[in-house]
Amino acid sequence: MVVIQLNPKFYSEQAINETITAYKDICDAKIENNTITLTPKTDISDEKLKNEFCNYCLSLIT
């Protein structure tokens, strides 16, 4: 399980939701109080999942 706290000043709610949708086959996601909990569905390390999720999310911000 991966717990991520993203700063809402940098990560928009829309970008986070789009990332969660894109990652639906890779992990389950739960958002509560600006904290995202990811539970992998595939064989991926927690660190890699966290890094890839954050990078993907950042790439959506314009």
C-alpha atoms as a PDB file:
ATOM      1  CA  MET A   1       0.000   0.000   0.000  1.00  0.00           C
ATOM      2  CA  VAL A   2       1.233   3.486  -0.927  1.00  0.00           C
ATOM      3  CA  VAL A   3       0.180   6.659   0.874  1.00  0.00           C
ATOM      4  CA  ILE A   4       0.705   9.957  -0.939  1.00  0.00           C
ATOM      5  CA  GLN A   5      -0.015  13.473   0.265  1.00  0.00           C
ATOM      6  CA  LEU A   6      -0.122  15.823  -2.707  1.00  0.00           C
ATOM      7  CA  ASN A   7      -0.037  19.573  -2.218  1.00  0.00           C
ATOM      8  CA  PRO A   8      -3.272  20.987  -3.701  1.00  0.00           C
ATOM      9  CA  LYS A   9      -1.351  24.122  -4.711  1.00  0.00           C
ATOM     10  CA  PHE A  10       0.557  22.024  -7.256  1.00  0.00           C
ATOM     11  CA  TYR A  11      -1.750  19.096  -8.005  1.00  0.00           C
ATOM     12  CA  SER A  12      -5.264  19.918  -9.203  1.00  0.00           C
ATOM     13  CA  GLU A  13      -8.186  17.754  -8.182  1.00  0.00           C
ATOM     14  CA  GLN A  14      -8.954  17.181 -11.860  1.00  0.00           C
ATOM     15  CA  ALA A  15      -5.415  15.930 -12.578  1.00  0.00           C
ATOM     16  CA  ILE A  16      -5.548  13.603  -9.574  1.00  0.00           C
ATOM     17  CA  ASN A  17      -8.909  12.173 -10.649  1.00  0.00           C
ATOM     18  CA  GLU A  18      -7.708  11.701 -14.229  1.00  0.00           C
ATOM     19  CA  THR A  19      -4.607   9.894 -12.947  1.00  0.00           C
ATOM     20  CA  ILE A  20      -6.700   7.615 -10.758  1.00  0.00           C
ATOM     21  CA  THR A  21      -8.834   6.765 -13.788  1.00  0.00           C
ATOM     22  CA  ALA A  22      -5.757   6.080 -15.928  1.00  0.00           C
ATOM     23  CA  TYR A  23      -4.280   3.831 -13.225  1.00  0.00           C
ATOM     24  CA  LYS A  24      -7.471   1.841 -12.546  1.00  0.00           C
ATOM     25  CA  ASP A  25      -5.943  -1.356 -13.968  1.00  0.00           C
ATOM     26  CA  ILE A  26      -2.733  -0.893 -11.983  1.00  0.00           C
ATOM     27  CA  CYS A  27      -4.069   0.020  -8.545  1.00  0.00           C
ATOM     28  CA  ASP A  28      -7.104   0.835  -6.445  1.00  0.00           C
ATOM     29  CA  ALA A  29      -7.153   4.386  -5.115  1.00  0.00           C
ATOM     30  CA  LYS A  30      -8.881   6.078  -2.216  1.00  0.00           C
ATOM     31  CA  ILE A  31      -8.800   9.818  -1.477  1.00  0.00           C
ATOM     32  CA  GLU A  32      -9.408  11.193   1.988  1.00  0.00           C
ATOM     33  CA  ASN A  33      -8.383  14.631   3.310  1.00  0.00           C
ATOM     34  CA  ASN A  34      -5.816  15.318   0.544  1.00  0.00           C
ATOM     35  CA  THR A  35      -4.277  11.899   1.130  1.00  0.00           C
ATOM     36  CA  ILE A  36      -4.313   9.284  -1.600  1.00  0.00           C
ATOM     37  CA  THR A  37      -3.956   5.614  -0.740  1.00  0.00           C
ATOM     38  CA  LEU A  38      -2.958   3.323  -3.595  1.00  0.00           C
ATOM     39  CA  THR A  39      -3.242  -0.447  -3.399  1.00  0.00           C
ATOM     40  CA  PRO A  40      -1.389  -2.170  -6.261  1.00  0.00           C
ATOM     41  CA  LYS A  41      -3.221  -4.723  -8.399  1.00  0.00           C
ATOM     42  CA  THR A  42      -0.037  -5.684 -10.234  1.00  0.00           C
ATOM     43  CA  ASP A  43       3.485  -6.647  -9.313  1.00  0.00           C
ATOM     44  CA  ILE A  44       4.935  -3.145  -8.939  1.00  0.00           C
ATOM     45  CA  SER A  45       7.040  -1.820  -6.104  1.00  0.00           C
ATOM     46  CA  ASP A  46       5.492   0.785  -3.833  1.00  0.00           C
ATOM     47  CA  GLU A  47       8.236   3.270  -4.669  1.00  0.00           C
ATOM     48  CA  LYS A  48       7.802   2.851  -8.424  1.00  0.00           C
ATOM     49  CA  LEU A  49       4.019   3.136  -8.167  1.00  0.00           C
ATOM     50  CA  LYS A  50       4.295   6.320  -6.118  1.00  0.00           C
ATOM     51  CA  ASN A  51       6.834   7.894  -8.481  1.00  0.00           C
ATOM     52  CA  GLU A  52       4.970   6.952 -11.655  1.00  0.00           C
ATOM     53  CA  PHE A  53       1.618   8.074 -10.250  1.00  0.00           C
ATOM     54  CA  CYS A  54       2.986  11.486  -9.211  1.00  0.00           C
ATOM     55  CA  ASN A  55       4.830  11.984 -12.509  1.00  0.00           C
ATOM     56  CA  TYR A  56       1.748  11.089 -14.533  1.00  0.00           C
ATOM     57  CA  CYS A  57      -0.349  13.451 -12.465  1.00  0.00           C
ATOM     58  CA  LEU A  58       2.136  16.286 -12.918  1.00  0.00           C
ATOM     59  CA  SER A  59       2.167  15.737 -16.667  1.00  0.00           C
ATOM     60  CA  LEU A  60      -1.580  16.494 -16.782  1.00  0.00           C
ATOM     61  CA  ILE A  61      -1.248  19.906 -15.169  1.00  0.00           C
ATOM     62  CA  THR A  62      -1.241  22.736 -17.683  1.00  0.00           C
END
